Amino acid sequence: MSKYHVGDRVVVRDDLNTHTSYNMEWRGAIPDGAYLGGLVAVTQMLELAGRTVEIAEINDENHWATGTYKICFDSLEPDGDFAWTDEMFSGLAEDQYAEYELPHLSDLLEGME
């Protein structure tokens, strides 16, 4: 089973590069025909480093990299040319910002008086 699901908003890792092999982090049963090797990012993928994207599809058994992801960015259609793996993301977008405490509105207004 894949780590991420269709509709998940994930953050592309800041340090994504073309010289590292990125793997999938399978959970439980690995689907038949799943791609088990590592993939490298291509130059075009680096443009999304640090950005939040959406998992649009999980590549099925008819794709050369079964189990990897297709993504959407800024409501663009899924880019079928690139296969993304778990290790290309730093995590779910909501988890990335959970550690930051937002100021309360009353605190903000107090400073304006």
Foldseek 3Di string as FASTA:
>chain_A
DFPDDAFFKFAFAQPQDQPDFAAADDDPDDDPQAAGGTDHDDPVVNVRHGHIWGFHDQAPNVDNHHRFTFIGDPPDDTDPPDTHHPRRTPTTPVVVCPVDDDDDPVVVVVVVD
